[in-house]
Amino acid sequence: MEGNHLQRQVAYTRRSLFEQGYLDEQFIQLEDLQDDANPNFVEEIVTLFYTDSARLLRTIEQALEHNPSDFDRLDDYMHQFKGSSSRCMRTFQQVKQEHATLRRKLETYFQLAREAHPV
């Protein structure tokens, strides 16, 4: 019975992440690549993303603190991270906040998924 409740909670959380715009078609494509041989594939890919993106966020933040007049370099970093250019510290803070929010939400989702489907 508990497993069924957890599975419904995982489904609800997943649907909620899509409805809130945190997940999109790319997440579904990642899920399609997951199989019994690699049941944690999506979580591993997301973990790699957060490792890389956290490093890039630190690099952007350092560049903003130490040399904020080098807009070409900052523009390159922001383009790498968000896919569009920005030269505004406020936008960067918003990206950092969204990054942290998405990470928390996905960590909760993956935790529920592991509990619902123990390996």
PDB file of N, CA and C in Angstrom:
ATOM      1  N   MET A   1       0.814  -1.193   0.000  1.00  0.00           N
ATOM      2  CA  MET A   1       0.000   0.000   0.000  1.00  0.00           C
ATOM      3  C   MET A   1       0.860   1.260   0.000  1.00  0.00           C
ATOM      4  N   GLU A   2       1.907   1.248   0.836  1.00  0.00           N
ATOM      5  CA  GLU A   2       2.815   2.407   0.909  1.00  0.00           C
ATOM      6  C   GLU A   2       3.462   2.671  -0.441  1.00  0.00           C
ATOM      7  N   GLY A   3       3.858   1.604  -1.159  1.00  0.00           N
ATOM      8  CA  GLY A   3       4.484   1.761  -2.467  1.00  0.00           C
ATOM      9  C   GLY A   3       3.557   2.432  -3.463  1.00  0.00           C
ATOM     10  N   ASN A   4       2.286   2.082  -3.420  1.00  0.00           N
ATOM     11  CA  ASN A   4       1.296   2.686  -4.306  1.00  0.00           C
ATOM     12  C   ASN A   4       1.141   4.178  -4.010  1.00  0.00           C
ATOM     13  N   HIS A   5       1.128   4.531  -2.734  1.00  0.00           N
ATOM     14  CA  HIS A   5       1.051   5.943  -2.341  1.00  0.00           C
ATOM     15  C   HIS A   5       2.274   6.702  -2.850  1.00  0.00           C
ATOM     16  N   LEU A   6       3.452   6.115  -2.695  1.00  0.00           N
ATOM     17  CA  LEU A   6       4.682   6.763  -3.162  1.00  0.00           C
ATOM     18  C   LEU A   6       4.669   6.931  -4.671  1.00  0.00           C
ATOM     19  N   GLN A   7       4.184   5.927  -5.384  1.00  0.00           N
ATOM     20  CA  GLN A   7       4.124   6.028  -6.848  1.00  0.00           C
ATOM     21  C   GLN A   7       3.181   7.151  -7.280  1.00  0.00           C
ATOM     22  N   ARG A   8       2.062   7.316  -6.594  1.00  0.00           N
ATOM     23  CA  ARG A   8       1.149   8.426  -6.908  1.00  0.00           C
ATOM     24  C   ARG A   8       1.811   9.760  -6.597  1.00  0.00           C
ATOM     25  N   GLN A   9       2.568   9.801  -5.503  1.00  0.00           N
ATOM     26  CA  GLN A   9       3.255  11.041  -5.133  1.00  0.00           C
ATOM     27  C   GLN A   9       4.329  11.393  -6.161  1.00  0.00           C
ATOM     28  N   VAL A  10       5.055  10.382  -6.663  1.00  0.00           N
ATOM     29  CA  VAL A  10       6.057  10.606  -7.706  1.00  0.00           C
ATOM     30  C   VAL A  10       5.377  11.144  -8.962  1.00  0.00           C
ATOM     31  N   ALA A  11       4.269  10.531  -9.353  1.00  0.00           N
ATOM     32  CA  ALA A  11       3.548  10.971 -10.551  1.00  0.00           C
ATOM     33  C   ALA A  11       3.034  12.400 -10.382  1.00  0.00           C
ATOM     34  N   TYR A  12       2.499  12.710  -9.208  1.00  0.00           N
ATOM     35  CA  TYR A  12       2.011  14.059  -8.941  1.00  0.00           C
ATOM     36  C   TYR A  12       3.154  15.079  -8.994  1.00  0.00           C
ATOM     37  N   THR A  13       4.275  14.741  -8.364  1.00  0.00           N
ATOM     38  CA  THR A  13       5.428  15.651  -8.342  1.00  0.00           C
ATOM     39  C   THR A  13       5.940  15.884  -9.755  1.00  0.00           C
ATOM     40  N   ARG A  14       6.055  14.824 -10.536  1.00  0.00           N
ATOM     41  CA  ARG A  14       6.525  14.936 -11.922  1.00  0.00           C
ATOM     42  C   ARG A  14       5.591  15.838 -12.732  1.00  0.00           C
ATOM     43  N   ARG A  15       4.296  15.570 -12.632  1.00  0.00           N
ATOM     44  CA  ARG A  15       3.309  16.371 -13.366  1.00  0.00           C
ATOM     45  C   ARG A  15       3.391  17.841 -12.938  1.00  0.00           C
ATOM     46  N   SER A  16       3.545  18.074 -11.657  1.00  0.00           N
ATOM     47  CA  SER A  16       3.652  19.432 -11.125  1.00  0.00           C
ATOM     48  C   SER A  16       4.885  20.153 -11.688  1.00  0.00           C
ATOM     49  N   LEU A  17       6.004  19.448 -11.791  1.00  0.00           N
ATOM     50  CA  LEU A  17       7.214  20.054 -12.344  1.00  0.00           C
ATOM     51  C   LEU A  17       7.017  20.464 -13.802  1.00  0.00           C
ATOM     52  N   PHE A  18       6.273  19.667 -14.552  1.00  0.00           N
ATOM     53  CA  PHE A  18       5.960  20.034 -15.934  1.00  0.00           C
ATOM     54  C   PHE A  18       5.011  21.231 -15.979  1.00  0.00           C
ATOM     55  N   GLU A  19       3.973  21.191 -15.148  1.00  0.00           N
ATOM     56  CA  GLU A  19       2.993  22.279 -15.141  1.00  0.00           C
ATOM     57  C   GLU A  19       3.617  23.610 -14.734  1.00  0.00           C
ATOM     58  N   GLN A  20       4.589  23.571 -13.830  1.00  0.00           N
ATOM     59  CA  GLN A  20       5.260  24.785 -13.378  1.00  0.00           C
ATOM     60  C   GLN A  20       6.326  25.255 -14.366  1.00  0.00           C
ATOM     61  N   GLY A  21       6.593  24.458 -15.395  1.00  0.00           N
ATOM     62  CA  GLY A  21       7.563  24.843 -16.407  1.00  0.00           C
ATOM     63  C   GLY A  21       8.998  24.493 -16.062  1.00  0.00           C
ATOM     64  N   TYR A  22       9.204  23.708 -15.010  1.00  0.00           N
ATOM     65  CA  TYR A  22      10.562  23.312 -14.645  1.00  0.00           C
ATOM     66  C   TYR A  22      11.093  22.193 -15.530  1.00  0.00           C
ATOM     67  N   LEU A  23      10.198  21.365 -16.039  1.00  0.00           N
ATOM     68  CA  LEU A  23      10.590  20.280 -16.934  1.00  0.00           C
ATOM     69  C   LEU A  23       9.907  20.466 -18.275  1.00  0.00           C
ATOM     70  N   ASP A  24      10.552  19.901 -19.319  1.00  0.00           N
ATOM     71  CA  ASP A  24       9.984  20.001 -20.652  1.00  0.00           C
ATOM     72  C   ASP A  24      10.266  18.714 -21.419  1.00  0.00           C
ATOM     73  N   GLU A  25      10.105  18.773 -22.711  1.00  0.00           N
ATOM     74  CA  GLU A  25      10.267  17.611 -23.586  1.00  0.00           C
ATOM     75  C   GLU A  25      11.649  16.964 -23.442  1.00  0.00           C
ATOM     76  N   GLN A  26      12.674  17.745 -23.158  1.00  0.00           N
ATOM     77  CA  GLN A  26      14.014  17.179 -23.005  1.00  0.00           C
ATOM     78  C   GLN A  26      14.071  16.196 -21.834  1.00  0.00           C
ATOM     79  N   PHE A  27      13.342  16.460 -20.777  1.00  0.00           N
ATOM     80  CA  PHE A  27      13.303  15.547 -19.640  1.00  0.00           C
ATOM     81  C   PHE A  27      12.671  14.221 -20.060  1.00  0.00           C
ATOM     82  N   ILE A  28      11.613  14.279 -20.842  1.00  0.00           N
ATOM     83  CA  ILE A  28      10.965  13.064 -21.345  1.00  0.00           C
ATOM     84  C   ILE A  28      11.941  12.277 -22.217  1.00  0.00           C
ATOM     85  N   GLN A  29      12.706  12.984 -23.043  1.00  0.00           N
ATOM     86  CA  GLN A  29      13.693  12.304 -23.882  1.00  0.00           C
ATOM     87  C   GLN A  29      14.745  11.598 -23.029  1.00  0.00           C
ATOM     88  N   LEU A  30      15.171  12.236 -21.941  1.00  0.00           N
ATOM     89  CA  LEU A  30      16.102  11.574 -21.026  1.00  0.00           C
ATOM     90  C   LEU A  30      15.460  10.333 -20.407  1.00  0.00           C
ATOM     91  N   GLU A  31      14.213  10.465 -19.977  1.00  0.00           N
ATOM     92  CA  GLU A  31      13.514   9.318 -19.389  1.00  0.00           C
ATOM     93  C   GLU A  31      13.420   8.155 -20.378  1.00  0.00           C
ATOM     94  N   ASP A  32      13.241   8.475 -21.642  1.00  0.00           N
ATOM     95  CA  ASP A  32      13.150   7.432 -22.667  1.00  0.00           C
ATOM     96  C   ASP A  32      14.452   6.646 -22.797  1.00  0.00           C
ATOM     97  N   LEU A  33      15.566   7.259 -22.422  1.00  0.00           N
ATOM     98  CA  LEU A  33      16.868   6.584 -22.503  1.00  0.00           C
ATOM     99  C   LEU A  33      17.139   5.708 -21.281  1.00  0.00           C
ATOM    100  N   GLN A  34      16.361   5.870 -20.247  1.00  0.00           N
ATOM    101  CA  GLN A  34      16.549   5.099 -19.017  1.00  0.00           C
ATOM    102  C   GLN A  34      15.962   3.705 -19.196  1.00  0.00           C
ATOM    103  N   ASP A  35      16.666   2.689 -18.683  1.00  0.00           N
ATOM    104  CA  ASP A  35      16.165   1.324 -18.763  1.00  0.00           C
ATOM    105  C   ASP A  35      16.562   0.549 -17.515  1.00  0.00           C
ATOM    106  N   ASP A  36      16.240  -0.736 -17.490  1.00  0.00           N
ATOM    107  CA  ASP A  36      16.542  -1.566 -16.327  1.00  0.00           C
ATOM    108  C   ASP A  36      18.037  -1.689 -16.070  1.00  0.00           C
ATOM    109  N   ALA A  37      18.831  -1.611 -17.127  1.00  0.00           N
ATOM    110  CA  ALA A  37      20.282  -1.709 -16.970  1.00  0.00           C
ATOM    111  C   ALA A  37      20.866  -0.460 -16.312  1.00  0.00           C
ATOM    112  N   ASN A  38      20.185   0.657 -16.466  1.00  0.00           N
ATOM    113  CA  ASN A  38      20.647   1.915 -15.869  1.00  0.00           C
ATOM    114  C   ASN A  38      19.430   2.667 -15.317  1.00  0.00           C
ATOM    115  N   PRO A  39      18.884   2.171 -14.186  1.00  0.00           N
ATOM    116  CA  PRO A  39      17.623   2.734 -13.681  1.00  0.00           C
ATOM    117  C   PRO A  39      17.735   4.151 -13.119  1.00  0.00           C
ATOM    118  N   ASN A  40      18.939   4.636 -12.885  1.00  0.00           N
ATOM    119  CA  ASN A  40      19.130   5.985 -12.352  1.00  0.00           C
ATOM    120  C   ASN A  40      19.729   6.932 -13.385  1.00  0.00           C
ATOM    121  N   PHE A  41      19.569   6.610 -14.652  1.00  0.00           N
ATOM    122  CA  PHE A  41      20.188   7.387 -15.725  1.00  0.00           C
ATOM    123  C   PHE A  41      19.818   8.863 -15.652  1.00  0.00           C
ATOM    124  N   VAL A  42      18.530   9.167 -15.532  1.00  0.00           N
ATOM    125  CA  VAL A  42      18.078  10.567 -15.542  1.00  0.00           C
ATOM    126  C   VAL A  42      18.666  11.309 -14.346  1.00  0.00           C
ATOM    127  N   GLU A  43      18.622  10.704 -13.189  1.00  0.00           N
ATOM    128  CA  GLU A  43      19.170  11.346 -11.997  1.00  0.00           C
ATOM    129  C   GLU A  43      20.675  11.584 -12.160  1.00  0.00           C
ATOM    130  N   GLU A  44      21.390  10.639 -12.747  1.00  0.00           N
ATOM    131  CA  GLU A  44      22.832  10.812 -12.969  1.00  0.00           C
ATOM    132  C   GLU A  44      23.112  11.967 -13.928  1.00  0.00           C
ATOM    133  N   ILE A  45      22.332  12.086 -14.985  1.00  0.00           N
ATOM    134  CA  ILE A  45      22.509  13.177 -15.943  1.00  0.00           C
ATOM    135  C   ILE A  45      22.220  14.517 -15.277  1.00  0.00           C
ATOM    136  N   VAL A  46      21.147  14.577 -14.486  1.00  0.00           N
ATOM    137  CA  VAL A  46      20.807  15.815 -13.786  1.00  0.00           C
ATOM    138  C   VAL A  46      21.902  16.182 -12.788  1.00  0.00           C
ATOM    139  N   THR A  47      22.450  15.190 -12.106  1.00  0.00           N
ATOM    140  CA  THR A  47      23.545  15.435 -11.163  1.00  0.00           C
ATOM    141  C   THR A  47      24.758  16.004 -11.889  1.00  0.00           C
ATOM    142  N   LEU A  48      25.086  15.454 -13.038  1.00  0.00           N
ATOM    143  CA  LEU A  48      26.199  15.993 -13.842  1.00  0.00           C
ATOM    144  C   LEU A  48      25.915  17.430 -14.268  1.00  0.00           C
ATOM    145  N   PHE A  49      24.676  17.698 -14.679  1.00  0.00           N
ATOM    146  CA  PHE A  49      24.308  19.053 -15.051  1.00  0.00           C
ATOM    147  C   PHE A  49      24.550  20.010 -13.888  1.00  0.00           C
ATOM    148  N   TYR A  50      24.125  19.625 -12.692  1.00  0.00           N
ATOM    149  CA  TYR A  50      24.290  20.524 -11.548  1.00  0.00           C
ATOM    150  C   TYR A  50      25.742  20.685 -11.142  1.00  0.00           C
ATOM    151  N   THR A  51      26.537  19.675 -11.321  1.00  0.00           N
ATOM    152  CA  THR A  51      27.968  19.821 -11.054  1.00  0.00           C
ATOM    153  C   THR A  51      28.570  20.848 -12.005  1.00  0.00           C
ATOM    154  N   ASP A  52      28.288  20.689 -13.287  1.00  0.00           N
ATOM    155  CA  ASP A  52      28.821  21.616 -14.295  1.00  0.00           C
ATOM    156  C   ASP A  52      28.241  23.020 -14.148  1.00  0.00           C
ATOM    157  N   SER A  53      26.935  23.107 -13.939  1.00  0.00           N
ATOM    158  CA  SER A  53      26.314  24.422 -13.872  1.00  0.00           C
ATOM    159  C   SER A  53      26.706  25.168 -12.598  1.00  0.00           C
ATOM    160  N   ALA A  54      26.914  24.456 -11.499  1.00  0.00           N
ATOM    161  CA  ALA A  54      27.350  25.123 -10.266  1.00  0.00           C
ATOM    162  C   ALA A  54      28.736  25.733 -10.466  1.00  0.00           C
ATOM    163  N   ARG A  55      29.598  25.016 -11.169  1.00  0.00           N
ATOM    164  CA  ARG A  55      30.933  25.545 -11.484  1.00  0.00           C
ATOM    165  C   ARG A  55      30.809  26.791 -12.340  1.00  0.00           C
ATOM    166  N   LEU A  56      29.952  26.743 -13.342  1.00  0.00           N
ATOM    167  CA  LEU A  56      29.764  27.887 -14.230  1.00  0.00           C
ATOM    168  C   LEU A  56      29.157  29.074 -13.478  1.00  0.00           C
ATOM    169  N   LEU A  57      28.228  28.819 -12.579  1.00  0.00           N
ATOM    170  CA  LEU A  57      27.658  29.902 -11.772  1.00  0.00           C
ATOM    171  C   LEU A  57      28.735  30.575 -10.920  1.00  0.00           C
ATOM    172  N   ARG A  58      29.619  29.780 -10.322  1.00  0.00           N
ATOM    173  CA  ARG A  58      30.717  30.369  -9.532  1.00  0.00           C
ATOM    174  C   ARG A  58      31.616  31.219 -10.422  1.00  0.00           C
ATOM    175  N   THR A  59      31.894  30.740 -11.626  1.00  0.00           N
ATOM    176  CA  THR A  59      32.738  31.485 -12.560  1.00  0.00           C
ATOM    177  C   THR A  59      32.085  32.814 -12.929  1.00  0.00           C
ATOM    178  N   ILE A  60      30.794  32.786 -13.195  1.00  0.00           N
ATOM    179  CA  ILE A  60      30.074  34.018 -13.534  1.00  0.00           C
ATOM    180  C   ILE A  60      30.092  34.980 -12.357  1.00  0.00           C
ATOM    181  N   GLU A  61      29.815  34.459 -11.191  1.00  0.00           N
ATOM    182  CA  GLU A  61      29.783  35.310 -10.001  1.00  0.00           C
ATOM    183  C   GLU A  61      31.138  35.952  -9.746  1.00  0.00           C
ATOM    184  N   GLN A  62      32.209  35.187  -9.882  1.00  0.00           N
ATOM    185  CA  GLN A  62      33.557  35.736  -9.701  1.00  0.00           C
ATOM    186  C   GLN A  62      33.848  36.800 -10.747  1.00  0.00           C
ATOM    187  N   ALA A  63      33.452  36.543 -11.979  1.00  0.00           N
ATOM    188  CA  ALA A  63      33.680  37.527 -13.040  1.00  0.00           C
ATOM    189  C   ALA A  63      32.908  38.812 -12.755  1.00  0.00           C
ATOM    190  N   LEU A  64      31.694  38.686 -12.239  1.00  0.00           N
ATOM    191  CA  LEU A  64      30.901  39.870 -11.912  1.00  0.00           C
ATOM    192  C   LEU A  64      31.537  40.658 -10.765  1.00  0.00           C
ATOM    193  N   GLU A  65      32.099  39.953  -9.802  1.00  0.00           N
ATOM    194  CA  GLU A  65      32.703  40.617  -8.641  1.00  0.00           C
ATOM    195  C   GLU A  65      34.042  41.264  -8.989  1.00  0.00           C
ATOM    196  N   HIS A  66      34.855  40.591  -9.791  1.00  0.00           N
ATOM    197  CA  HIS A  66      36.229  41.035 -10.013  1.00  0.00           C
ATOM    198  C   HIS A  66      36.424  41.903 -11.237  1.00  0.00           C
ATOM    199  N   ASN A  67      35.650  41.646 -12.259  1.00  0.00           N
ATOM    200  CA  ASN A  67      35.860  42.409 -13.483  1.00  0.00           C
ATOM    201  C   ASN A  67      34.520  42.615 -14.191  1.00  0.00           C
ATOM    202  N   PRO A  68      33.613  43.364 -13.549  1.00  0.00           N
ATOM    203  CA  PRO A  68      32.285  43.505 -14.149  1.00  0.00           C
ATOM    204  C   PRO A  68      32.266  44.281 -15.457  1.00  0.00           C
ATOM    205  N   SER A  69      33.374  44.899 -15.822  1.00  0.00           N
ATOM    206  CA  SER A  69      33.373  45.652 -17.075  1.00  0.00           C
ATOM    207  C   SER A  69      33.703  44.781 -18.281  1.00  0.00           C
ATOM    208  N   ASP A  70      34.065  43.523 -18.059  1.00  0.00           N
ATOM    209  CA  ASP A  70      34.361  42.611 -19.162  1.00  0.00           C
ATOM    210  C   ASP A  70      33.063  41.942 -19.615  1.00  0.00           C
ATOM    211  N   PHE A  71      32.203  42.744 -20.259  1.00  0.00           N
ATOM    212  CA  PHE A  71      30.888  42.264 -20.624  1.00  0.00           C
ATOM    213  C   PHE A  71      30.928  41.168 -21.684  1.00  0.00           C
ATOM    214  N   ASP A  72      31.916  41.174 -22.546  1.00  0.00           N
ATOM    215  CA  ASP A  72      31.991  40.120 -23.557  1.00  0.00           C
ATOM    216  C   ASP A  72      32.171  38.752 -22.895  1.00  0.00           C
ATOM    217  N   ARG A  73      33.046  38.674 -21.924  1.00  0.00           N
ATOM    218  CA  ARG A  73      33.273  37.409 -21.221  1.00  0.00           C
ATOM    219  C   ARG A  73      32.018  37.015 -20.429  1.00  0.00           C
ATOM    220  N   LEU A  74      31.426  37.991 -19.722  1.00  0.00           N
ATOM    221  CA  LEU A  74      30.205  37.701 -18.971  1.00  0.00           C
ATOM    222  C   LEU A  74      29.085  37.251 -19.897  1.00  0.00           C
ATOM    223  N   ASP A  75      28.985  37.889 -21.021  1.00  0.00           N
ATOM    224  CA  ASP A  75      27.975  37.524 -21.998  1.00  0.00           C
ATOM    225  C   ASP A  75      28.177  36.081 -22.463  1.00  0.00           C
ATOM    226  N   ASP A  76      29.419  35.695 -22.700  1.00  0.00           N
ATOM    227  CA  ASP A  76      29.725  34.315 -23.088  1.00  0.00           C
ATOM    228  C   ASP A  76      29.306  33.331 -21.999  1.00  0.00           C
ATOM    229  N   TYR A  77      29.651  33.638 -20.743  1.00  0.00           N
ATOM    230  CA  TYR A  77      29.283  32.763 -19.627  1.00  0.00           C
ATOM    231  C   TYR A  77      27.767  32.633 -19.505  1.00  0.00           C
ATOM    232  N   MET A  78      27.080  33.756 -19.571  1.00  0.00           N
ATOM    233  CA  MET A  78      25.624  33.730 -19.438  1.00  0.00           C
ATOM    234  C   MET A  78      24.993  32.968 -20.597  1.00  0.00           C
ATOM    235  N   HIS A  79      25.546  33.137 -21.762  1.00  0.00           N
ATOM    236  CA  HIS A  79      25.030  32.407 -22.921  1.00  0.00           C
ATOM    237  C   HIS A  79      25.198  30.908 -22.713  1.00  0.00           C
ATOM    238  N   GLN A  80      26.341  30.491 -22.196  1.00  0.00           N
ATOM    239  CA  GLN A  80      26.582  29.077 -21.919  1.00  0.00           C
ATOM    240  C   GLN A  80      25.561  28.544 -20.922  1.00  0.00           C
ATOM    241  N   PHE A  81      25.277  29.331 -19.913  1.00  0.00           N
ATOM    242  CA  PHE A  81      24.419  28.845 -18.847  1.00  0.00           C
ATOM    243  C   PHE A  81      22.945  28.879 -19.199  1.00  0.00           C
ATOM    244  N   LYS A  82      22.468  29.954 -19.701  1.00  0.00           N
ATOM    245  CA  LYS A  82      21.029  30.127 -19.893  1.00  0.00           C
ATOM    246  C   LYS A  82      20.590  29.994 -21.347  1.00  0.00           C
ATOM    247  N   GLY A  83      21.524  30.086 -22.269  1.00  0.00           N
ATOM    248  CA  GLY A  83      21.149  29.986 -23.658  1.00  0.00           C
ATOM    249  C   GLY A  83      20.780  31.318 -24.273  1.00  0.00           C
ATOM    250  N   SER A  84      20.864  32.368 -23.493  1.00  0.00           N
ATOM    251  CA  SER A  84      20.646  33.706 -24.032  1.00  0.00           C
ATOM    252  C   SER A  84      21.553  34.673 -23.289  1.00  0.00           C
ATOM    253  N   SER A  85      21.868  35.762 -23.927  1.00  0.00           N
ATOM    254  CA  SER A  85      22.827  36.700 -23.359  1.00  0.00           C
ATOM    255  C   SER A  85      22.179  37.648 -22.361  1.00  0.00           C
ATOM    256  N   SER A  86      22.959  38.018 -21.379  1.00  0.00           N
ATOM    257  CA  SER A  86      22.500  38.993 -20.403  1.00  0.00           C
ATOM    258  C   SER A  86      23.699  39.662 -19.777  1.00  0.00           C
ATOM    259  N   ARG A  87      23.553  40.942 -19.496  1.00  0.00           N
ATOM    260  CA  ARG A  87      24.645  41.687 -18.881  1.00  0.00           C
ATOM    261  C   ARG A  87      24.218  42.281 -17.543  1.00  0.00           C
ATOM    262  N   CYS A  88      23.187  41.749 -16.970  1.00  0.00           N
ATOM    263  CA  CYS A  88      22.600  42.387 -15.804  1.00  0.00           C
ATOM    264  C   CYS A  88      22.746  41.499 -14.575  1.00  0.00           C
ATOM    265  N   MET A  89      23.280  42.053 -13.502  1.00  0.00           N
ATOM    266  CA  MET A  89      23.454  41.308 -12.260  1.00  0.00           C
ATOM    267  C   MET A  89      22.112  40.802 -11.742  1.00  0.00           C
ATOM    268  N   ARG A  90      21.068  41.576 -11.895  1.00  0.00           N
ATOM    269  CA  ARG A  90      19.747  41.165 -11.424  1.00  0.00           C
ATOM    270  C   ARG A  90      19.294  39.897 -12.146  1.00  0.00           C
ATOM    271  N   THR A  91      19.516  39.835 -13.443  1.00  0.00           N
ATOM    272  CA  THR A  91      19.164  38.645 -14.205  1.00  0.00           C
ATOM    273  C   THR A  91      19.971  37.455 -13.728  1.00  0.00           C
ATOM    274  N   PHE A  92      21.248  37.687 -13.454  1.00  0.00           N
ATOM    275  CA  PHE A  92      22.090  36.609 -12.953  1.00  0.00           C
ATOM    276  C   PHE A  92      21.559  36.081 -11.620  1.00  0.00           C
ATOM    277  N   GLN A  93      21.162  36.953 -10.716  1.00  0.00           N
ATOM    278  CA  GLN A  93      20.632  36.525  -9.427  1.00  0.00           C
ATOM    279  C   GLN A  93      19.359  35.705  -9.623  1.00  0.00           C
ATOM    280  N   GLN A  94      18.546  36.094 -10.580  1.00  0.00           N
ATOM    281  CA  GLN A  94      17.328  35.349 -10.879  1.00  0.00           C
ATOM    282  C   GLN A  94      17.678  33.955 -11.407  1.00  0.00           C
ATOM    283  N   VAL A  95      18.677  33.864 -12.269  1.00  0.00           N
ATOM    284  CA  VAL A  95      19.109  32.573 -12.791  1.00  0.00           C
ATOM    285  C   VAL A  95      19.602  31.691 -11.645  1.00  0.00           C
ATOM    286  N   LYS A  96      20.387  32.263 -10.743  1.00  0.00           N
ATOM    287  CA  LYS A  96      20.878  31.491  -9.594  1.00  0.00           C
ATOM    288  C   LYS A  96      19.721  30.980  -8.742  1.00  0.00           C
ATOM    289  N   GLN A  97      18.727  31.834  -8.530  1.00  0.00           N
ATOM    290  CA  GLN A  97      17.587  31.430  -7.718  1.00  0.00           C
ATOM    291  C   GLN A  97      16.798  30.318  -8.410  1.00  0.00           C
ATOM    292  N   GLU A  98      16.560  30.463  -9.699  1.00  0.00           N
ATOM    293  CA  GLU A  98      15.846  29.425 -10.445  1.00  0.00           C
ATOM    294  C   GLU A  98      16.630  28.127 -10.455  1.00  0.00           C
ATOM    295  N   HIS A  99      17.933  28.225 -10.591  1.00  0.00           N
ATOM    296  CA  HIS A  99      18.812  27.061 -10.575  1.00  0.00           C
ATOM    297  C   HIS A  99      18.653  26.316  -9.248  1.00  0.00           C
ATOM    298  N   ALA A 100      18.695  27.024  -8.142  1.00  0.00           N
ATOM    299  CA  ALA A 100      18.570  26.414  -6.817  1.00  0.00           C
ATOM    300  C   ALA A 100      17.177  25.815  -6.616  1.00  0.00           C
ATOM    301  N   THR A 101      16.144  26.513  -7.070  1.00  0.00           N
ATOM    302  CA  THR A 101      14.775  26.016  -6.930  1.00  0.00           C
ATOM    303  C   THR A 101      14.585  24.733  -7.711  1.00  0.00           C
ATOM    304  N   LEU A 102      15.044  24.728  -8.947  1.00  0.00           N
ATOM    305  CA  LEU A 102      14.919  23.526  -9.771  1.00  0.00           C
ATOM    306  C   LEU A 102      15.688  22.371  -9.147  1.00  0.00           C
ATOM    307  N   ARG A 103      16.861  22.643  -8.645  1.00  0.00           N
ATOM    308  CA  ARG A 103      17.654  21.577  -8.028  1.00  0.00           C
ATOM    309  C   ARG A 103      16.903  20.967  -6.843  1.00  0.00           C
ATOM    310  N   ARG A 104      16.351  21.801  -5.968  1.00  0.00           N
ATOM    311  CA  ARG A 104      15.599  21.288  -4.817  1.00  0.00           C
ATOM    312  C   ARG A 104      14.402  20.456  -5.272  1.00  0.00           C
ATOM    313  N   LYS A 105      13.685  20.951  -6.261  1.00  0.00           N
ATOM    314  CA  LYS A 105      12.503  20.239  -6.734  1.00  0.00           C
ATOM    315  C   LYS A 105      12.877  18.889  -7.350  1.00  0.00           C
ATOM    316  N   LEU A 106      13.941  18.870  -8.140  1.00  0.00           N
ATOM    317  CA  LEU A 106      14.355  17.607  -8.756  1.00  0.00           C
ATOM    318  C   LEU A 106      14.930  16.642  -7.721  1.00  0.00           C
ATOM    319  N   GLU A 107      15.641  17.149  -6.733  1.00  0.00           N
ATOM    320  CA  GLU A 107      16.136  16.271  -5.669  1.00  0.00           C
ATOM    321  C   GLU A 107      14.971  15.605  -4.947  1.00  0.00           C
ATOM    322  N   THR A 108      13.916  16.368  -4.664  1.00  0.00           N
ATOM    323  CA  THR A 108      12.721  15.812  -4.025  1.00  0.00           C
ATOM    324  C   THR A 108      12.084  14.755  -4.918  1.00  0.00           C
ATOM    325  N   TYR A 109      11.975  15.083  -6.204  1.00  0.00           N
ATOM    326  CA  TYR A 109      11.389  14.135  -7.161  1.00  0.00           C
ATOM    327  C   TYR A 109      12.185  12.833  -7.205  1.00  0.00           C
ATOM    328  N   PHE A 110      13.502  12.921  -7.325  1.00  0.00           N
ATOM    329  CA  PHE A 110      14.318  11.710  -7.414  1.00  0.00           C
ATOM    330  C   PHE A 110      14.286  10.914  -6.111  1.00  0.00           C
ATOM    331  N   GLN A 111      14.225  11.586  -4.985  1.00  0.00           N
ATOM    332  CA  GLN A 111      14.123  10.897  -3.696  1.00  0.00           C
ATOM    333  C   GLN A 111      12.818  10.101  -3.628  1.00  0.00           C
ATOM    334  N   LEU A 112      11.723  10.732  -4.026  1.00  0.00           N
ATOM    335  CA  LEU A 112      10.446  10.035  -4.053  1.00  0.00           C
ATOM    336  C   LEU A 112      10.480   8.855  -5.011  1.00  0.00           C
ATOM    337  N   ALA A 113      11.088   9.066  -6.170  1.00  0.00           N
ATOM    338  CA  ALA A 113      11.170   7.984  -7.170  1.00  0.00           C
ATOM    339  C   ALA A 113      11.974   6.808  -6.632  1.00  0.00           C
ATOM    340  N   ARG A 114      13.070   7.081  -5.927  1.00  0.00           N
ATOM    341  CA  ARG A 114      13.881   5.992  -5.353  1.00  0.00           C
ATOM    342  C   ARG A 114      13.080   5.248  -4.291  1.00  0.00           C
ATOM    343  N   GLU A 115      12.318   5.975  -3.482  1.00  0.00           N
ATOM    344  CA  GLU A 115      11.521   5.323  -2.453  1.00  0.00           C
ATOM    345  C   GLU A 115      10.381   4.490  -3.054  1.00  0.00           C
ATOM    346  N   ALA A 116       9.812   4.981  -4.129  1.00  0.00           N
ATOM    347  CA  ALA A 116       8.696   4.285  -4.775  1.00  0.00           C
ATOM    348  C   ALA A 116       9.155   3.065  -5.547  1.00  0.00           C
ATOM    349  N   HIS A 117      10.370   3.104  -6.069  1.00  0.00           N
ATOM    350  CA  HIS A 117      10.897   2.001  -6.876  1.00  0.00           C
ATOM    351  C   HIS A 117      12.288   1.619  -6.388  1.00  0.00           C
ATOM    352  N   PRO A 118      12.384   1.023  -5.192  1.00  0.00           N
ATOM    353  CA  PRO A 118      13.726   0.663  -4.694  1.00  0.00           C
ATOM    354  C   PRO A 118      14.370  -0.377  -5.603  1.00  0.00           C
ATOM    355  N   VAL A 119      15.654  -0.215  -5.794  1.00  0.00           N
ATOM    356  CA  VAL A 119      16.398  -1.134  -6.683  1.00  0.00           C
ATOM    357  C   VAL A 119      16.873  -2.328  -5.903  1.00  0.00           C
TER     358      VAL A 119
END
